[in-house]
Structures are given as structure tokens and as C-alpha cells.
Amino acid sequence: MKNDSYITSLSLLSALTTKSTFKFSVQSNKNSKMNWNQHVDGITEVIQTDNSIIFHDILLFKTKIHDYKKWIFEDNKLHFWHQRLEQFIYVFSFDLNCKSSMIYSTNHLCKADTYVGKIQIVDNSFQLDMYITSPIKNEHIRYIYS
């Protein structure tokens, strides 16, 4: 059952700091040339700093893959950063003034790719969806942290 209450900074802070496991899936959709269809479980370590929350995700494929995401609350926005080549790269922001049970991000352009994100809290789980489109990509990536 979905939680239909509004997402607030407080509900997000609670959802982001109390998670230890996650499910990861990526689905290549129509017209995609990527064939990224995967489903895997993982564990996450939540690291809190003065102004951010970092997820150290370990995806449990045949070998462990480490992935880092950073969340920063600032001026009623939640900014999402993703680590690439040992540096955090800004991806997009979510406007927490939006009175909704799910919030869409600003668009992020990376070369020919466009990234859009969606966050929601569902059954006490924090869900991040990312949609990536380009001339060769049409991907849906989902993380469900619980």
C-alpha cells in the first residue's frame, strides 16, 4: 500500500537515514540499444555528515560492486549526487515545496543523455527511480531502500 501523505524534509531525513538493504533493478525499454536488464539485491551503509547523507551501496552481483550516492538538503530542496571516478557529480534536485507523495526532479543533461528522477516513500521504503533517455537509451533504474 502506498503512502499518500506529502513528502517532507523530515520524512525524507527519516527514510534516508534508517535504511540498510535495497533492491536494484534496471530495465531497458522500447527502442533502447543497451540491454541493461538486471535485478539484484544489495546492502547499504548510511554515512551522515554535517550537511549530507551518503549511501555506500554494495550491489551483490557475482562480484561486489560499490556505488556511492550523496543527498544534500538545502533551501527546501534535496540535491542528488552520484560518485563517478572517485568524485561526486551533481545529477539533479527535488523541490520539497511540492505538495505530493512523489516528487520529480529537474532534468540533468549528460552528453546525449537526459536524466530525470522521482522519489517517493512507499510502505516505509524509500524509492528512487531514474529515467535515462537518448538516441540509444531508454532506461528505467529503480532503487528501493528498506
C-alpha atoms as a PDB file:
ATOM      1  CA  MET A   1       0.000   0.000   0.000  1.00  0.00           C
ATOM      2  CA  LYS A   2       1.363   3.400  -0.948  1.00  0.00           C
ATOM      3  CA  ASN A   3       1.801   6.236   1.494  1.00  0.00           C
ATOM      4  CA  ASP A   4      -0.325   9.107   0.153  1.00  0.00           C
ATOM      5  CA  SER A   5       0.940  11.736   2.579  1.00  0.00           C
ATOM      6  CA  TYR A   6       3.150  14.540   1.364  1.00  0.00           C
ATOM      7  CA  ILE A   7       6.897  14.051   1.277  1.00  0.00           C
ATOM      8  CA  THR A   8       8.532  16.444   3.736  1.00  0.00           C
ATOM      9  CA  SER A   9      12.130  17.136   4.700  1.00  0.00           C
ATOM     10  CA  LEU A  10      11.541  15.313   7.975  1.00  0.00           C
ATOM     11  CA  SER A  11      10.006  12.211   6.350  1.00  0.00           C
ATOM     12  CA  LEU A  12      12.864  12.122   3.828  1.00  0.00           C
ATOM     13  CA  LEU A  13      15.503  12.518   6.521  1.00  0.00           C
ATOM     14  CA  SER A  14      13.998   9.609   8.414  1.00  0.00           C
ATOM     15  CA  ALA A  15      13.695   7.497   5.257  1.00  0.00           C
ATOM     16  CA  LEU A  16      17.253   8.231   4.141  1.00  0.00           C
ATOM     17  CA  THR A  17      18.951   7.542   7.471  1.00  0.00           C
ATOM     18  CA  THR A  18      17.289   4.294   8.539  1.00  0.00           C
ATOM     19  CA  LYS A  19      17.897   2.028   5.561  1.00  0.00           C
ATOM     20  CA  SER A  20      20.258  -0.946   5.372  1.00  0.00           C
ATOM     21  CA  THR A  21      19.217  -3.053   2.373  1.00  0.00           C
ATOM     22  CA  PHE A  22      17.973  -2.316  -1.116  1.00  0.00           C
ATOM     23  CA  LYS A  23      16.715  -3.831  -4.318  1.00  0.00           C
ATOM     24  CA  PHE A  24      18.175  -2.565  -7.590  1.00  0.00           C
ATOM     25  CA  SER A  25      16.632  -3.056 -10.997  1.00  0.00           C
ATOM     26  CA  VAL A  26      17.309  -1.643 -14.426  1.00  0.00           C
ATOM     27  CA  GLN A  27      15.014  -2.190 -17.373  1.00  0.00           C
ATOM     28  CA  SER A  28      15.817  -1.330 -20.970  1.00  0.00           C
ATOM     29  CA  ASN A  29      12.610  -0.167 -22.622  1.00  0.00           C
ATOM     30  CA  LYS A  30      11.409   0.126 -26.219  1.00  0.00           C
ATOM     31  CA  ASN A  31      13.999   1.490 -28.687  1.00  0.00           C
ATOM     32  CA  SER A  32      16.885   1.043 -26.254  1.00  0.00           C
ATOM     33  CA  LYS A  33      20.089  -0.466 -27.580  1.00  0.00           C
ATOM     34  CA  MET A  34      21.597  -1.042 -24.126  1.00  0.00           C
ATOM     35  CA  ASN A  35      20.045  -4.325 -22.901  1.00  0.00           C
ATOM     36  CA  TRP A  36      20.647  -3.376 -19.276  1.00  0.00           C
ATOM     37  CA  ASN A  37      18.043  -5.734 -17.808  1.00  0.00           C
ATOM     38  CA  GLN A  38      19.220  -6.604 -14.293  1.00  0.00           C
ATOM     39  CA  HIS A  39      17.765  -7.234 -10.845  1.00  0.00           C
ATOM     40  CA  VAL A  40      19.961  -7.554  -7.777  1.00  0.00           C
ATOM     41  CA  ASP A  41      19.818  -7.108  -4.007  1.00  0.00           C
ATOM     42  CA  GLY A  42      22.298  -5.095  -2.027  1.00  0.00           C
ATOM     43  CA  ILE A  43      23.262  -3.668   1.313  1.00  0.00           C
ATOM     44  CA  THR A  44      23.883  -0.029   2.106  1.00  0.00           C
ATOM     45  CA  GLU A  45      25.857   1.798   4.735  1.00  0.00           C
ATOM     46  CA  VAL A  46      24.406   5.206   5.602  1.00  0.00           C
ATOM     47  CA  ILE A  47      27.025   7.841   6.422  1.00  0.00           C
ATOM     48  CA  GLN A  48      25.824  11.167   7.851  1.00  0.00           C
ATOM     49  CA  THR A  49      27.910  14.326   7.680  1.00  0.00           C
ATOM     50  CA  ASP A  50      27.069  17.879   8.729  1.00  0.00           C
ATOM     51  CA  ASN A  51      25.136  18.682   5.553  1.00  0.00           C
ATOM     52  CA  SER A  52      24.726  15.424   3.659  1.00  0.00           C
ATOM     53  CA  ILE A  53      23.761  11.781   3.760  1.00  0.00           C
ATOM     54  CA  ILE A  54      25.910   9.350   1.791  1.00  0.00           C
ATOM     55  CA  PHE A  55      24.774   5.896   0.720  1.00  0.00           C
ATOM     56  CA  HIS A  56      27.592   3.398   0.286  1.00  0.00           C
ATOM     57  CA  ASP A  57      25.750   0.756  -1.710  1.00  0.00           C
ATOM     58  CA  ILE A  58      27.144  -2.713  -2.275  1.00  0.00           C
ATOM     59  CA  LEU A  59      25.430  -4.461  -5.167  1.00  0.00           C
ATOM     60  CA  LEU A  60      25.652  -8.219  -4.747  1.00  0.00           C
ATOM     61  CA  PHE A  61      26.349  -9.401  -8.304  1.00  0.00           C
ATOM     62  CA  LYS A  62      28.817 -12.283  -8.853  1.00  0.00           C
ATOM     63  CA  THR A  63      31.376  -9.803  -7.549  1.00  0.00           C
ATOM     64  CA  LYS A  64      30.546  -6.961  -5.179  1.00  0.00           C
ATOM     65  CA  ILE A  65      30.159  -3.571  -6.843  1.00  0.00           C
ATOM     66  CA  HIS A  66      30.481  -0.468  -4.673  1.00  0.00           C
ATOM     67  CA  ASP A  67      28.392   2.587  -5.540  1.00  0.00           C
ATOM     68  CA  TYR A  68      28.100   5.922  -3.728  1.00  0.00           C
ATOM     69  CA  LYS A  69      25.231   8.414  -3.719  1.00  0.00           C
ATOM     70  CA  LYS A  70      25.086  11.698  -1.811  1.00  0.00           C
ATOM     71  CA  TRP A  71      21.943  13.534  -0.686  1.00  0.00           C
ATOM     72  CA  ILE A  72      22.133  17.180   0.419  1.00  0.00           C
ATOM     73  CA  PHE A  73      19.238  19.135   1.950  1.00  0.00           C
ATOM     74  CA  GLU A  74      19.409  22.859   1.146  1.00  0.00           C
ATOM     75  CA  ASP A  75      16.748  25.587   0.964  1.00  0.00           C
ATOM     76  CA  ASN A  76      13.786  23.170   0.771  1.00  0.00           C
ATOM     77  CA  LYS A  77      15.497  21.162  -1.940  1.00  0.00           C
ATOM     78  CA  LEU A  78      17.054  17.733  -1.907  1.00  0.00           C
ATOM     79  CA  HIS A  79      20.108  17.558  -4.181  1.00  0.00           C
ATOM     80  CA  PHE A  80      21.245  14.191  -5.537  1.00  0.00           C
ATOM     81  CA  TRP A  81      24.899  13.491  -6.359  1.00  0.00           C
ATOM     82  CA  HIS A  82      26.406  10.275  -7.727  1.00  0.00           C
ATOM     83  CA  GLN A  83      30.038   9.230  -7.483  1.00  0.00           C
ATOM     84  CA  ARG A  84      31.919   8.649 -10.740  1.00  0.00           C
ATOM     85  CA  LEU A  85      35.672   8.081 -10.945  1.00  0.00           C
ATOM     86  CA  GLU A  86      36.026   8.846  -7.208  1.00  0.00           C
ATOM     87  CA  GLN A  87      34.301  12.256  -7.464  1.00  0.00           C
ATOM     88  CA  PHE A  88      30.736  13.179  -6.639  1.00  0.00           C
ATOM     89  CA  ILE A  89      28.904  14.597  -9.668  1.00  0.00           C
ATOM     90  CA  TYR A  90      25.712  16.609  -9.281  1.00  0.00           C
ATOM     91  CA  VAL A  91      22.796  14.891 -11.035  1.00  0.00           C
ATOM     92  CA  PHE A  92      19.527  16.648 -10.138  1.00  0.00           C
ATOM     93  CA  SER A  93      17.412  18.293  -7.425  1.00  0.00           C
ATOM     94  CA  PHE A  94      13.988  17.678  -5.955  1.00  0.00           C
ATOM     95  CA  ASP A  95      11.801  20.607  -4.856  1.00  0.00           C
ATOM     96  CA  LEU A  96      10.449  19.786  -1.398  1.00  0.00           C
ATOM     97  CA  ASN A  97       7.902  22.627  -1.618  1.00  0.00           C
ATOM     98  CA  CYS A  98       5.930  20.347  -3.934  1.00  0.00           C
ATOM     99  CA  LYS A  99       2.918  19.019  -2.020  1.00  0.00           C
ATOM    100  CA  SER A 100       2.926  15.485  -3.354  1.00  0.00           C
ATOM    101  CA  SER A 101       3.534  11.882  -2.334  1.00  0.00           C
ATOM    102  CA  MET A 102       6.040  11.597  -5.199  1.00  0.00           C
ATOM    103  CA  ILE A 103       8.386  14.283  -6.424  1.00  0.00           C
ATOM    104  CA  TYR A 104      10.047  14.550  -9.833  1.00  0.00           C
ATOM    105  CA  SER A 105      13.457  16.128 -10.265  1.00  0.00           C
ATOM    106  CA  THR A 106      14.838  18.754 -12.534  1.00  0.00           C
ATOM    107  CA  ASN A 107      16.317  17.380 -15.774  1.00  0.00           C
ATOM    108  CA  HIS A 108      20.020  16.606 -15.986  1.00  0.00           C
ATOM    109  CA  LEU A 109      21.840  16.527 -19.308  1.00  0.00           C
ATOM    110  CA  CYS A 110      24.993  14.451 -19.722  1.00  0.00           C
ATOM    111  CA  LYS A 111      26.241  14.483 -23.299  1.00  0.00           C
ATOM    112  CA  ALA A 112      23.362  12.944 -25.295  1.00  0.00           C
ATOM    113  CA  ASP A 113      21.620  11.525 -22.194  1.00  0.00           C
ATOM    114  CA  THR A 114      18.781  13.147 -20.259  1.00  0.00           C
ATOM    115  CA  TYR A 115      18.247  12.019 -16.665  1.00  0.00           C
ATOM    116  CA  VAL A 116      15.044  12.554 -14.688  1.00  0.00           C
ATOM    117  CA  GLY A 117      14.482  11.276 -11.162  1.00  0.00           C
ATOM    118  CA  LYS A 118      11.486  10.508  -8.990  1.00  0.00           C
ATOM    119  CA  ILE A 119      11.434   9.915  -5.244  1.00  0.00           C
ATOM    120  CA  GLN A 120       8.690   8.546  -3.064  1.00  0.00           C
ATOM    121  CA  ILE A 121       8.161   6.777   0.222  1.00  0.00           C
ATOM    122  CA  VAL A 122       6.232   3.531  -0.231  1.00  0.00           C
ATOM    123  CA  ASP A 123       5.395   1.190   2.652  1.00  0.00           C
ATOM    124  CA  ASN A 124       8.226   2.623   4.802  1.00  0.00           C
ATOM    125  CA  SER A 125      10.694   2.178   1.946  1.00  0.00           C
ATOM    126  CA  PHE A 126      12.496   4.996   0.158  1.00  0.00           C
ATOM    127  CA  GLN A 127      12.253   4.629  -3.627  1.00  0.00           C
ATOM    128  CA  LEU A 128      14.450   6.373  -6.194  1.00  0.00           C
ATOM    129  CA  ASP A 129      13.566   5.999  -9.867  1.00  0.00           C
ATOM    130  CA  MET A 130      15.800   7.335 -12.636  1.00  0.00           C
ATOM    131  CA  TYR A 131      14.796   7.561 -16.264  1.00  0.00           C
ATOM    132  CA  ILE A 132      17.566   7.903 -18.855  1.00  0.00           C
ATOM    133  CA  THR A 133      16.808   8.714 -22.463  1.00  0.00           C
ATOM    134  CA  SER A 134      18.955   9.433 -25.518  1.00  0.00           C
ATOM    135  CA  PRO A 135      19.059   8.324 -29.150  1.00  0.00           C
ATOM    136  CA  ILE A 136      20.271   4.883 -27.974  1.00  0.00           C
ATOM    137  CA  LYS A 137      18.945   4.709 -24.382  1.00  0.00           C
ATOM    138  CA  ASN A 138      15.504   4.344 -22.863  1.00  0.00           C
ATOM    139  CA  GLU A 139      16.249   3.026 -19.381  1.00  0.00           C
ATOM    140  CA  HIS A 140      14.411   2.849 -16.072  1.00  0.00           C
ATOM    141  CA  ILE A 141      16.577   2.352 -12.978  1.00  0.00           C
ATOM    142  CA  ARG A 142      14.956   1.730  -9.596  1.00  0.00           C
ATOM    143  CA  TYR A 143      16.405   1.556  -6.103  1.00  0.00           C
ATOM    144  CA  ILE A 144      14.122   0.541  -3.229  1.00  0.00           C
ATOM    145  CA  TYR A 145      15.779   1.058   0.160  1.00  0.00           C
ATOM    146  CA  SER A 146      14.273  -0.614   3.224  1.00  0.00           C
END
